[in-house]
Amino acid sequence: MNYYIYILESKTGKFYIGQSANLEARLERHNSNRVKSTKFKGPWKVIYTERYSSRSEAMIREKQLKKWRRELLLNLIKGTSQ
């Protein structure tokens, strides 16, 4: 099974970083206001993903990205940093 880390962007330009095995279903949950931390802040769109073969790998990367400054995240999204 594949797991994904993802970066979402809201209509106001805010980012949200998360991980899921089913990216499409997770995005639907964000956009239907069923995720506490993103409730009423959308709509959200996926702007970046990475795929991992285990949930533990995805969770490690998610925690790493959540510590990054916005500038580093923007570089990652643009493909100029990994």
N, C-alpha and C. Protein backbone atom coordinates (compact mmCIF):
# COMPACT_ATOMS: atom_id res chain seq x y z
N MET A 1 0.84 -1.18 0.00
CA MET A 1 0.00 0.00 0.00
C MET A 1 0.88 1.24 0.00
N ASN A 2 0.48 2.24 -0.75
CA ASN A 2 1.20 3.50 -0.80
C ASN A 2 0.59 4.51 0.17
N TYR A 3 1.44 5.34 0.71
CA TYR A 3 1.03 6.42 1.59
C TYR A 3 1.59 7.72 1.01
N TYR A 4 0.88 8.78 1.21
CA TYR A 4 1.25 10.06 0.63
C TYR A 4 1.35 11.13 1.70
N ILE A 5 2.34 11.99 1.54
CA ILE A 5 2.32 13.25 2.27
C ILE A 5 1.82 14.25 1.24
N TYR A 6 1.11 15.24 1.71
CA TYR A 6 0.56 16.20 0.77
C TYR A 6 0.59 17.60 1.38
N ILE A 7 0.65 18.57 0.51
CA ILE A 7 0.51 19.96 0.92
C ILE A 7 -0.72 20.49 0.20
N LEU A 8 -1.62 21.03 1.00
CA LEU A 8 -2.83 21.66 0.46
C LEU A 8 -2.66 23.16 0.56
N GLU A 9 -3.33 23.87 -0.34
CA GLU A 9 -3.38 25.32 -0.26
C GLU A 9 -4.83 25.76 -0.25
N SER A 10 -5.15 26.70 0.62
CA SER A 10 -6.52 27.22 0.70
C SER A 10 -6.67 28.40 -0.25
N LYS A 11 -7.90 28.86 -0.39
CA LYS A 11 -8.17 30.01 -1.25
C LYS A 11 -7.46 31.27 -0.75
N THR A 12 -7.11 31.29 0.55
CA THR A 12 -6.42 32.45 1.12
C THR A 12 -4.90 32.30 1.10
N GLY A 13 -4.40 31.18 0.55
CA GLY A 13 -2.96 30.97 0.45
C GLY A 13 -2.33 30.25 1.62
N LYS A 14 -3.14 29.81 2.57
CA LYS A 14 -2.62 29.05 3.71
C LYS A 14 -2.27 27.63 3.26
N PHE A 15 -1.25 27.06 3.90
CA PHE A 15 -0.85 25.68 3.62
C PHE A 15 -1.31 24.76 4.74
N TYR A 16 -1.57 23.52 4.38
CA TYR A 16 -1.82 22.45 5.34
C TYR A 16 -1.03 21.25 4.87
N ILE A 17 -0.31 20.60 5.78
CA ILE A 17 0.51 19.43 5.47
C ILE A 17 -0.07 18.24 6.19
N GLY A 18 -0.24 17.13 5.48
CA GLY A 18 -0.78 15.92 6.08
C GLY A 18 -0.30 14.68 5.37
N GLN A 19 -0.80 13.53 5.81
CA GLN A 19 -0.46 12.26 5.18
C GLN A 19 -1.70 11.38 5.14
N SER A 20 -1.77 10.52 4.13
CA SER A 20 -2.93 9.66 3.96
C SER A 20 -2.60 8.54 2.99
N ALA A 21 -3.32 7.45 3.12
CA ALA A 21 -3.21 6.36 2.14
C ALA A 21 -4.16 6.59 0.97
N ASN A 22 -5.19 7.41 1.16
CA ASN A 22 -6.16 7.68 0.10
C ASN A 22 -6.29 9.20 -0.04
N LEU A 23 -5.49 9.74 -0.92
CA LEU A 23 -5.40 11.19 -1.07
C LEU A 23 -6.72 11.81 -1.53
N GLU A 24 -7.39 11.17 -2.46
CA GLU A 24 -8.65 11.72 -2.98
C GLU A 24 -9.71 11.81 -1.88
N ALA A 25 -9.84 10.74 -1.10
CA ALA A 25 -10.83 10.72 -0.01
C ALA A 25 -10.46 11.74 1.06
N ARG A 26 -9.19 11.88 1.34
CA ARG A 26 -8.75 12.83 2.36
C ARG A 26 -9.03 14.27 1.93
N LEU A 27 -8.79 14.58 0.66
CA LEU A 27 -9.08 15.91 0.15
C LEU A 27 -10.58 16.20 0.25
N GLU A 28 -11.39 15.22 -0.05
CA GLU A 28 -12.83 15.38 0.05
C GLU A 28 -13.24 15.69 1.49
N ARG A 29 -12.60 15.03 2.46
CA ARG A 29 -12.89 15.29 3.88
C ARG A 29 -12.51 16.73 4.25
N HIS A 30 -11.35 17.19 3.77
CA HIS A 30 -10.95 18.58 4.03
C HIS A 30 -11.97 19.55 3.45
N ASN A 31 -12.37 19.31 2.22
CA ASN A 31 -13.27 20.25 1.54
C ASN A 31 -14.72 20.17 1.99
N SER A 32 -15.08 19.12 2.70
CA SER A 32 -16.44 19.03 3.24
C SER A 32 -16.47 19.37 4.74
N ASN A 33 -15.40 20.00 5.21
CA ASN A 33 -15.31 20.51 6.59
C ASN A 33 -15.40 19.42 7.65
N ARG A 34 -14.83 18.25 7.36
CA ARG A 34 -14.83 17.15 8.33
C ARG A 34 -13.46 16.93 8.96
N VAL A 35 -12.54 17.89 8.78
CA VAL A 35 -11.22 17.84 9.42
C VAL A 35 -11.12 19.09 10.30
N LYS A 36 -10.98 18.87 11.59
CA LYS A 36 -11.03 19.96 12.57
C LYS A 36 -10.07 21.11 12.23
N SER A 37 -8.84 20.79 11.87
CA SER A 37 -7.84 21.84 11.68
C SER A 37 -8.02 22.64 10.38
N THR A 38 -8.83 22.15 9.45
CA THR A 38 -9.04 22.89 8.20
C THR A 38 -10.50 23.30 8.00
N LYS A 39 -11.32 23.04 8.99
CA LYS A 39 -12.75 23.30 8.89
C LYS A 39 -13.03 24.78 8.59
N PHE A 40 -13.84 25.01 7.57
CA PHE A 40 -14.27 26.35 7.14
C PHE A 40 -13.12 27.25 6.70
N LYS A 41 -12.02 26.65 6.26
CA LYS A 41 -10.88 27.43 5.77
C LYS A 41 -10.61 27.18 4.29
N GLY A 42 -11.41 26.33 3.68
CA GLY A 42 -11.21 25.96 2.28
C GLY A 42 -11.97 26.85 1.34
N PRO A 43 -12.07 26.46 0.09
CA PRO A 43 -11.72 25.15 -0.43
C PRO A 43 -10.20 24.96 -0.52
N TRP A 44 -9.82 23.70 -0.48
CA TRP A 44 -8.42 23.30 -0.51
C TRP A 44 -8.11 22.63 -1.84
N LYS A 45 -6.87 22.81 -2.28
CA LYS A 45 -6.41 22.08 -3.46
C LYS A 45 -5.03 21.49 -3.16
N VAL A 46 -4.77 20.33 -3.74
CA VAL A 46 -3.48 19.67 -3.56
C VAL A 46 -2.47 20.38 -4.46
N ILE A 47 -1.37 20.83 -3.84
CA ILE A 47 -0.33 21.50 -4.63
C ILE A 47 0.99 20.73 -4.63
N TYR A 48 1.08 19.70 -3.79
CA TYR A 48 2.33 18.91 -3.74
C TYR A 48 2.05 17.58 -3.09
N THR A 49 2.68 16.52 -3.61
CA THR A 49 2.60 15.19 -2.99
C THR A 49 3.94 14.46 -3.09
N GLU A 50 4.15 13.55 -2.18
CA GLU A 50 5.24 12.58 -2.23
C GLU A 50 4.66 11.23 -1.85
N ARG A 51 5.14 10.16 -2.47
CA ARG A 51 4.62 8.82 -2.20
C ARG A 51 5.65 8.02 -1.41
N TYR A 52 5.15 7.24 -0.43
CA TYR A 52 6.00 6.38 0.39
C TYR A 52 5.38 5.00 0.48
N SER A 53 6.20 4.01 0.73
CA SER A 53 5.72 2.63 0.78
C SER A 53 5.24 2.23 2.17
N SER A 54 5.49 3.06 3.19
CA SER A 54 4.99 2.74 4.53
C SER A 54 4.46 4.01 5.21
N ARG A 55 3.53 3.80 6.10
CA ARG A 55 2.96 4.94 6.83
C ARG A 55 4.01 5.59 7.71
N SER A 56 4.88 4.81 8.29
CA SER A 56 5.89 5.38 9.18
C SER A 56 6.83 6.32 8.41
N GLU A 57 7.21 5.96 7.19
CA GLU A 57 8.04 6.85 6.37
C GLU A 57 7.30 8.15 6.07
N ALA A 58 6.03 8.04 5.71
CA ALA A 58 5.23 9.23 5.39
C ALA A 58 5.09 10.12 6.62
N MET A 59 4.90 9.53 7.78
CA MET A 59 4.74 10.31 9.01
C MET A 59 6.03 11.05 9.38
N ILE A 60 7.16 10.41 9.16
CA ILE A 60 8.45 11.05 9.43
C ILE A 60 8.62 12.27 8.54
N ARG A 61 8.32 12.11 7.24
CA ARG A 61 8.44 13.22 6.30
C ARG A 61 7.43 14.34 6.63
N GLU A 62 6.22 13.96 6.99
CA GLU A 62 5.20 14.95 7.36
C GLU A 62 5.70 15.81 8.52
N LYS A 63 6.23 15.18 9.55
CA LYS A 63 6.74 15.92 10.71
C LYS A 63 7.88 16.84 10.31
N GLN A 64 8.74 16.36 9.40
CA GLN A 64 9.85 17.18 8.93
C GLN A 64 9.33 18.43 8.22
N LEU A 65 8.40 18.25 7.29
CA LEU A 65 7.89 19.38 6.53
C LEU A 65 7.13 20.38 7.40
N LYS A 66 6.47 19.91 8.42
CA LYS A 66 5.72 20.81 9.30
C LYS A 66 6.64 21.75 10.07
N LYS A 67 7.92 21.44 10.15
CA LYS A 67 8.89 22.29 10.83
C LYS A 67 9.51 23.32 9.89
N TRP A 68 9.29 23.16 8.59
CA TRP A 68 9.91 24.05 7.60
C TRP A 68 9.22 25.40 7.56
N ARG A 69 10.01 26.43 7.25
CA ARG A 69 9.47 27.76 7.00
C ARG A 69 8.73 27.76 5.66
N ARG A 70 7.83 28.68 5.51
CA ARG A 70 7.05 28.80 4.28
C ARG A 70 7.95 28.90 3.04
N GLU A 71 9.03 29.65 3.15
CA GLU A 71 9.96 29.82 2.03
C GLU A 71 10.51 28.48 1.55
N LEU A 72 10.89 27.62 2.47
CA LEU A 72 11.40 26.29 2.10
C LEU A 72 10.31 25.45 1.45
N LEU A 73 9.09 25.53 1.97
CA LEU A 73 7.98 24.79 1.38
C LEU A 73 7.71 25.27 -0.05
N LEU A 74 7.75 26.58 -0.26
CA LEU A 74 7.55 27.11 -1.61
C LEU A 74 8.62 26.62 -2.57
N ASN A 75 9.87 26.56 -2.12
CA ASN A 75 10.94 26.02 -2.95
C ASN A 75 10.71 24.55 -3.28
N LEU A 76 10.26 23.79 -2.31
CA LEU A 76 9.97 22.38 -2.53
C LEU A 76 8.85 22.23 -3.57
N ILE A 77 7.80 23.00 -3.41
CA ILE A 77 6.67 22.94 -4.33
C ILE A 77 7.11 23.30 -5.75
N LYS A 78 7.97 24.29 -5.86
CA LYS A 78 8.47 24.72 -7.18
C LYS A 78 9.49 23.75 -7.76
N GLY A 79 9.98 22.80 -6.93
CA GLY A 79 10.95 21.82 -7.40
C GLY A 79 12.38 22.26 -7.30
N THR A 80 12.66 23.28 -6.48
CA THR A 80 14.02 23.77 -6.35
C THR A 80 14.71 23.33 -5.07
N SER A 81 14.02 22.48 -4.27
CA SER A 81 14.59 22.00 -3.01
C SER A 81 14.00 20.65 -2.68
N GLN A 82 14.77 19.77 -2.07
CA GLN A 82 14.25 18.47 -1.63
C GLN A 82 14.73 18.15 -0.25
